Amino acid sequence: MAGFTDIIGQEQMKEHLRNAITMDKVSHAYIIHGELGAGKEFIARIFAAALQCEKGQAEPCGECRSCKQAESKNHPDIIWVTHEKPNSIGVEDIRTQVNNDMEIKPYYGPRKIYIINEAEKMTPQAQNALLKTLEEPPSYGIIILLTTNVEALLPTIVSRSIVLQMRPVKDREIEEYLMKTLQVPDYKARICAAFARGNVGKAKHLAESEDFEHIKEEAVSLLKYIRDMEIAEIVTAIKKINEYKLDVNSYLDILYVWYRDILLFKATKEPNDLIFKEEIQYIKRTADRSSYEGIETILNALDKTQQRISANVNFDLAMELLFLTVKENS
């Protein structure tokens, strides 16, 4: 069974959770905050297993009955809150699975632990219902909220919880993890780590994706020749992006790393630190003819495009605006 030592990075969080167990200062509520794929569920699972472990140590032993039940997600006192509606966690979900259930004492372990994933999807009514339990929880009750957006939670819930922020993991640590765990070759691990921007889950997803190499090649080809392309050709390239199964944010990350390389080379003239080392002649050419302001404009446009797509703005339109900005400033 996985333990805290298997979590990549997140040293402060691991130390905090271990200390809480060993010093018996476990809070009734935790919020683990971080982007999609950062490993929030993995950490919650290890923490819950350690809290219920029969050996009472800071790491789950993986051998006792409790640890085996936790690993198979069959522990009666570790409750993963579910919801039928994909985009919201309703008040009945919280009342039934948390509030009412917490009134019943633990079946087997010393505690009852409730893990609410995608906690930002709780409706205001659901959050208010949860708040009632948080105000007067039984001694054995622990609630762990996992969220990509802590600002979507009521300030009163946040103030009653220990907030733990996921930190970006160093590229080198992600590379070592990919090479050791997934047997990914070093050059591919380096590229996946760079695109993942500190997100281990994202790096793993990219390394395992069959589409990733094709998308990378097509994105780079587009960037190399975009200056001389007609609008119709750019539109065709945008339509092709949708054919792949990879998340569009991963496509935008490829563009981001390309222009980060250009900015880095323009400033240092040093090719060894580049992710796209093999494309040095194109990077050098773009760096020589682009201004710092132009490259910054493109990087800002990439951030804006990511925000637009998250806000459900028309994908083709958002990408057209982006590539027009890229064309004008390349």
Protein backbone atom coordinates (compact mmCIF):
# COMPACT_ATOMS: atom_id res chain seq x y z
CA MET A 1 0.00 0.00 0.00
CA ALA A 2 1.16 3.55 -0.76
CA GLY A 3 2.32 5.78 2.09
CA PHE A 4 3.45 9.38 2.56
CA THR A 5 6.90 8.44 1.18
CA ASP A 6 5.23 7.68 -2.17
CA ILE A 7 3.91 11.24 -2.56
CA ILE A 8 6.11 13.17 -5.01
CA GLY A 9 7.04 16.59 -3.59
CA GLN A 10 4.60 18.29 -1.17
CA GLU A 11 7.13 18.05 1.70
CA GLN A 12 5.42 20.64 3.94
CA MET A 13 2.03 18.99 3.57
CA LYS A 14 3.44 15.52 4.30
CA GLU A 15 5.23 16.82 7.40
CA HIS A 16 2.06 18.56 8.64
CA LEU A 17 -0.12 15.47 8.22
CA ARG A 18 2.45 13.11 9.76
CA ASN A 19 2.88 15.42 12.75
CA ALA A 20 -0.89 15.70 13.20
CA ILE A 21 -1.07 11.90 13.54
CA THR A 22 1.99 11.37 15.77
CA MET A 23 1.15 14.29 18.07
CA ASP A 24 -2.56 13.41 18.11
CA LYS A 25 -3.54 16.89 16.92
CA VAL A 26 -5.79 15.90 14.04
CA SER A 27 -8.26 18.60 12.97
CA HIS A 28 -11.95 17.92 12.33
CA ALA A 29 -11.72 19.50 8.87
CA TYR A 30 -9.09 19.75 6.14
CA ILE A 31 -9.15 21.45 2.76
CA ILE A 32 -6.62 20.13 0.25
CA HIS A 33 -6.42 22.70 -2.52
CA GLY A 34 -4.68 22.20 -5.87
CA GLU A 35 -5.22 21.93 -9.60
CA LEU A 36 -6.74 18.94 -11.37
CA GLY A 37 -4.36 15.98 -11.45
CA ALA A 38 -2.08 17.34 -8.72
CA GLY A 39 -2.65 14.30 -6.48
CA LYS A 40 -5.23 15.50 -3.94
CA GLU A 41 -7.12 12.17 -3.89
CA PHE A 42 -3.90 10.21 -3.49
CA ILE A 43 -2.88 12.27 -0.45
CA ALA A 44 -6.38 12.06 1.10
CA ARG A 45 -6.39 8.28 0.66
CA ILE A 46 -3.00 7.89 2.39
CA PHE A 47 -3.94 10.27 5.23
CA ALA A 48 -7.26 8.48 5.83
CA ALA A 49 -5.57 5.07 5.80
CA ALA A 50 -2.90 6.25 8.27
CA LEU A 51 -5.57 7.67 10.60
CA GLN A 52 -7.37 4.32 10.67
CA CYS A 53 -4.29 2.04 10.70
CA GLU A 54 -4.36 -0.42 13.62
CA LYS A 55 -0.63 0.08 14.30
CA GLY A 56 -1.20 3.77 15.08
CA GLN A 57 1.89 5.03 13.26
CA ALA A 58 2.38 8.04 10.97
CA GLU A 59 2.40 5.75 7.90
CA PRO A 60 -0.27 3.20 6.97
CA CYS A 61 1.25 -0.26 7.55
CA GLY A 62 -0.52 -1.78 4.53
CA GLU A 63 -0.86 -5.11 6.39
CA CYS A 64 -3.65 -4.73 8.95
CA ARG A 65 -7.31 -5.33 8.15
CA SER A 66 -8.02 -1.59 8.24
CA CYS A 67 -5.27 -0.74 5.72
CA LYS A 68 -6.41 -3.49 3.35
CA GLN A 69 -9.99 -2.20 3.51
CA ALA A 70 -8.80 1.38 2.94
CA GLU A 71 -6.73 0.32 -0.08
CA SER A 72 -9.71 -1.40 -1.71
CA LYS A 73 -11.97 1.58 -0.83
CA ASN A 74 -14.13 -0.75 1.28
CA HIS A 75 -13.43 0.69 4.72
CA PRO A 76 -16.80 1.30 6.45
CA ASP A 77 -15.40 4.34 8.30
CA ILE A 78 -13.77 6.03 5.26
CA ILE A 79 -16.65 7.47 3.28
CA TRP A 80 -16.10 8.87 -0.22
CA VAL A 81 -19.04 11.22 -0.77
CA THR A 82 -20.69 10.72 -4.17
CA HIS A 83 -23.13 12.84 -6.15
CA GLU A 84 -25.48 11.97 -8.99
CA LYS A 85 -25.45 15.34 -10.74
CA PRO A 86 -22.12 15.78 -12.57
CA ASN A 87 -21.83 19.52 -11.95
CA SER A 88 -23.17 19.94 -8.42
CA ILE A 89 -23.14 18.37 -4.98
CA GLY A 90 -26.58 18.96 -3.53
CA VAL A 91 -27.84 19.50 -0.01
CA GLU A 92 -29.31 15.95 0.13
CA ASP A 93 -25.93 14.45 -0.80
CA ILE A 94 -24.39 16.17 2.24
CA ARG A 95 -27.28 15.50 4.63
CA THR A 96 -27.53 11.81 3.74
CA GLN A 97 -23.87 10.87 3.33
CA VAL A 98 -22.25 13.21 5.89
CA ASN A 99 -24.56 14.81 8.47
CA ASN A 100 -26.90 11.87 9.15
CA ASP A 101 -24.18 9.27 8.77
CA MET A 102 -21.84 11.04 11.20
CA GLU A 103 -24.43 10.63 13.95
CA ILE A 104 -23.67 6.89 13.86
CA LYS A 105 -20.46 5.98 15.70
CA PRO A 106 -17.56 4.34 13.82
CA TYR A 107 -18.19 0.71 12.86
CA TYR A 108 -14.62 -0.44 13.11
CA GLY A 109 -11.94 2.28 13.18
CA PRO A 110 -11.30 4.96 15.80
CA ARG A 111 -12.65 7.67 13.50
CA LYS A 112 -15.14 8.31 10.71
CA ILE A 113 -13.57 10.13 7.78
CA TYR A 114 -15.57 11.82 5.02
CA ILE A 115 -13.77 12.71 1.79
CA ILE A 116 -15.59 15.15 -0.49
CA ASN A 117 -13.88 15.40 -3.87
CA GLU A 118 -14.64 18.36 -6.18
CA ALA A 119 -15.88 20.23 -3.10
CA GLU A 120 -16.16 23.43 -5.16
CA LYS A 121 -19.27 21.82 -6.72
CA MET A 122 -21.23 21.98 -3.46
CA THR A 123 -24.26 24.24 -3.76
CA PRO A 124 -24.63 27.07 -1.20
CA GLN A 125 -27.33 24.99 0.54
CA ALA A 126 -25.02 21.95 0.66
CA GLN A 127 -22.22 24.07 2.11
CA ASN A 128 -24.52 25.49 4.78
CA ALA A 129 -25.62 21.97 5.69
CA LEU A 130 -21.98 20.91 5.99
CA LEU A 131 -21.23 23.97 8.10
CA LYS A 132 -23.72 22.81 10.75
CA THR A 133 -21.74 19.60 11.17
CA LEU A 134 -18.42 21.47 11.14
CA GLU A 135 -19.62 23.74 13.96
CA GLU A 136 -20.24 20.82 16.34
CA PRO A 137 -18.59 17.68 14.99
CA PRO A 138 -18.45 14.53 17.14
CA SER A 139 -14.97 13.73 18.50
CA TYR A 140 -14.48 10.92 15.95
CA GLY A 141 -15.60 12.91 12.85
CA ILE A 142 -13.12 14.19 10.22
CA ILE A 143 -14.04 15.89 6.95
CA ILE A 144 -11.53 16.23 4.09
CA LEU A 145 -12.52 18.58 1.26
CA LEU A 146 -10.62 18.30 -2.02
CA THR A 147 -10.95 21.30 -4.32
CA THR A 148 -9.45 23.06 -7.32
CA ASN A 149 -10.99 26.35 -6.17
CA VAL A 150 -10.95 27.18 -2.47
CA GLU A 151 -12.63 30.53 -3.19
CA ALA A 152 -15.81 28.66 -4.15
CA LEU A 153 -16.17 27.55 -0.51
CA LEU A 154 -17.91 29.62 2.16
CA PRO A 155 -15.44 31.68 4.23
CA THR A 156 -16.95 30.12 7.36
CA ILE A 157 -16.06 26.62 6.10
CA VAL A 158 -12.52 27.74 5.23
CA SER A 159 -12.03 29.39 8.63
CA ARG A 160 -13.00 26.15 10.41
CA SER A 161 -10.61 24.02 8.35
CA ILE A 162 -6.88 23.47 8.01
CA VAL A 163 -6.12 24.61 4.43
CA LEU A 164 -3.31 22.69 2.72
CA GLN A 165 -2.11 24.03 -0.63
CA MET A 166 -0.61 21.71 -3.25
CA ARG A 167 2.71 23.10 -4.50
CA PRO A 168 4.19 22.63 -7.99
CA VAL A 169 6.64 19.71 -7.98
CA LYS A 170 10.15 20.30 -9.32
CA ASP A 171 10.69 19.12 -12.90
CA ARG A 172 13.61 16.93 -11.85
CA GLU A 173 11.46 15.06 -9.30
CA ILE A 174 8.74 14.49 -11.90
CA GLU A 175 11.31 13.27 -14.45
CA GLU A 176 12.74 10.75 -11.95
CA TYR A 177 9.24 9.54 -11.10
CA LEU A 178 8.31 9.01 -14.78
CA MET A 179 11.57 7.21 -15.57
CA LYS A 180 11.43 5.00 -12.47
CA THR A 181 7.70 4.24 -12.30
CA LEU A 182 6.65 4.26 -15.95
CA GLN A 183 10.04 3.45 -17.54
CA VAL A 184 9.74 6.57 -19.71
CA PRO A 185 12.99 7.44 -21.57
CA ASP A 186 14.82 10.48 -20.18
CA TYR A 187 14.16 12.81 -23.16
CA LYS A 188 10.42 12.11 -23.02
CA ALA A 189 10.34 12.48 -19.22
CA ARG A 190 12.03 15.88 -19.56
CA ILE A 191 9.43 17.07 -22.09
CA CYS A 192 6.41 15.73 -20.14
CA ALA A 193 7.70 17.31 -16.91
CA ALA A 194 8.18 20.68 -18.61
CA PHE A 195 4.67 20.65 -20.08
CA ALA A 196 3.09 19.52 -16.80
CA ARG A 197 4.31 22.65 -14.98
CA GLY A 198 4.70 20.96 -11.60
CA ASN A 199 1.62 18.72 -11.86
CA VAL A 200 2.58 15.04 -11.40
CA GLY A 201 -0.78 13.68 -12.57
CA LYS A 202 -0.64 15.74 -15.72
CA ALA A 203 2.93 14.59 -16.46
CA LYS A 204 1.85 10.95 -16.01
CA HIS A 205 -1.15 11.48 -18.30
CA LEU A 206 1.05 13.04 -21.01
CA ALA A 207 3.62 10.25 -20.74
CA GLU A 208 0.88 7.63 -21.20
CA SER A 209 -0.96 9.49 -23.98
CA GLU A 210 -0.73 8.05 -27.47
CA ASP A 211 -1.78 11.39 -28.97
CA PHE A 212 0.80 13.53 -27.18
CA GLU A 213 3.70 13.03 -29.62
CA HIS A 214 1.48 13.73 -32.66
CA ILE A 215 -0.02 16.84 -31.08
CA LYS A 216 3.42 18.12 -30.08
CA GLU A 217 4.74 17.69 -33.63
CA GLU A 218 1.71 19.39 -35.20
CA ALA A 219 1.75 22.27 -32.68
CA VAL A 220 5.46 22.89 -33.25
CA SER A 221 5.02 22.72 -37.02
CA LEU A 222 2.22 25.31 -36.81
CA LEU A 223 4.35 27.62 -34.65
CA LYS A 224 7.36 27.34 -36.96
CA TYR A 225 5.41 28.41 -40.06
CA ILE A 226 2.52 30.49 -38.66
CA ARG A 227 4.08 33.77 -39.78
CA ASP A 228 3.58 32.81 -43.43
CA MET A 229 0.24 30.98 -43.09
CA GLU A 230 -3.10 32.20 -44.38
CA ILE A 231 -6.05 32.54 -41.98
CA ALA A 232 -7.82 29.60 -43.66
CA GLU A 233 -4.83 27.34 -42.98
CA ILE A 234 -4.81 28.38 -39.30
CA VAL A 235 -8.56 27.66 -39.02
CA THR A 236 -7.98 24.16 -40.49
CA ALA A 237 -5.20 23.54 -37.95
CA ILE A 238 -7.52 24.61 -35.10
CA LYS A 239 -10.25 22.19 -36.23
CA LYS A 240 -7.69 19.37 -36.17
CA ILE A 241 -6.93 19.98 -32.46
CA ASN A 242 -10.43 18.76 -31.58
CA GLU A 243 -9.74 15.38 -33.21
CA TYR A 244 -7.33 14.45 -30.45
CA LYS A 245 -8.34 13.17 -27.03
CA LEU A 246 -5.77 15.23 -25.15
CA ASP A 247 -7.03 18.03 -22.96
CA VAL A 248 -6.85 21.40 -24.73
CA ASN A 249 -4.90 22.87 -21.81
CA SER A 250 -2.14 20.38 -22.60
CA TYR A 251 -2.08 21.73 -26.16
CA LEU A 252 -1.79 25.28 -24.82
CA ASP A 253 1.03 24.14 -22.54
CA ILE A 254 3.00 23.01 -25.61
CA LEU A 255 2.66 26.52 -27.05
CA TYR A 256 3.59 28.03 -23.69
CA VAL A 257 6.79 25.98 -23.39
CA TRP A 258 7.75 26.84 -26.99
CA TYR A 259 7.56 30.58 -26.31
CA ARG A 260 9.13 30.17 -22.90
CA ASP A 261 12.11 28.57 -24.76
CA ILE A 262 12.21 31.50 -27.19
CA LEU A 263 12.18 34.02 -24.35
CA LEU A 264 14.89 32.08 -22.48
CA PHE A 265 17.13 31.81 -25.55
CA LYS A 266 16.65 35.50 -26.39
CA ALA A 267 17.79 36.42 -22.89
CA THR A 268 20.65 33.92 -22.45
CA LYS A 269 21.67 32.64 -25.94
CA GLU A 270 22.11 29.31 -24.13
CA PRO A 271 20.55 26.28 -25.93
CA ASN A 272 21.27 23.67 -23.21
CA ASP A 273 18.39 24.77 -20.95
CA LEU A 274 15.79 24.58 -23.72
CA ILE A 275 13.06 21.94 -23.79
CA PHE A 276 12.89 22.05 -27.60
CA LYS A 277 16.66 21.74 -28.06
CA GLU A 278 16.18 19.91 -31.37
CA GLU A 279 14.40 22.95 -32.82
CA ILE A 280 17.21 25.38 -31.98
CA GLN A 281 17.45 26.90 -35.48
CA TYR A 282 13.75 27.90 -35.44
CA ILE A 283 13.91 29.09 -31.84
CA LYS A 284 16.99 31.21 -32.63
CA ARG A 285 15.34 32.68 -35.73
CA THR A 286 12.12 33.57 -33.85
CA ALA A 287 14.08 34.96 -30.89
CA ASP A 288 16.18 37.18 -33.18
CA ARG A 289 13.22 38.74 -34.99
CA SER A 290 10.80 38.97 -32.00
CA SER A 291 10.86 41.70 -29.37
CA TYR A 292 10.62 40.94 -25.66
CA GLU A 293 7.27 42.77 -25.67
CA GLY A 294 6.02 40.59 -28.54
CA ILE A 295 6.90 37.35 -26.74
CA GLU A 296 5.31 38.63 -23.51
CA THR A 297 2.17 39.52 -25.51
CA ILE A 298 1.97 35.92 -26.77
CA LEU A 299 2.49 34.44 -23.30
CA ASN A 300 -0.24 36.73 -21.91
CA ALA A 301 -2.53 35.72 -24.78
CA LEU A 302 -1.98 32.05 -23.87
CA ASP A 303 -3.04 32.74 -20.26
CA LYS A 304 -6.08 34.64 -21.50
CA THR A 305 -7.04 31.80 -23.87
CA GLN A 306 -6.84 29.29 -21.02
CA GLN A 307 -9.19 31.51 -18.98
CA ARG A 308 -11.60 31.91 -21.91
CA ILE A 309 -11.80 28.17 -22.54
CA SER A 310 -12.34 27.52 -18.79
CA ALA A 311 -15.21 30.04 -18.96
CA ASN A 312 -16.72 28.06 -21.88
CA VAL A 313 -16.06 30.69 -24.54
CA ASN A 314 -16.36 29.22 -28.06
CA PHE A 315 -13.21 27.10 -28.54
CA ASP A 316 -12.59 27.89 -32.22
CA LEU A 317 -13.03 31.62 -31.64
CA ALA A 318 -10.70 31.65 -28.60
CA MET A 319 -8.02 29.76 -30.55
CA GLU A 320 -8.37 31.99 -33.63
CA LEU A 321 -7.82 35.10 -31.49
CA LEU A 322 -4.77 33.43 -29.93
CA PHE A 323 -3.17 32.42 -33.23
CA LEU A 324 -3.78 35.86 -34.75
CA THR A 325 -1.87 37.33 -31.78
CA VAL A 326 0.89 34.74 -32.29
CA LYS A 327 1.07 35.51 -36.04
CA GLU A 328 1.30 39.28 -35.42
CA ASN A 329 4.05 38.97 -32.81
CA SER A 330 6.20 36.13 -34.18
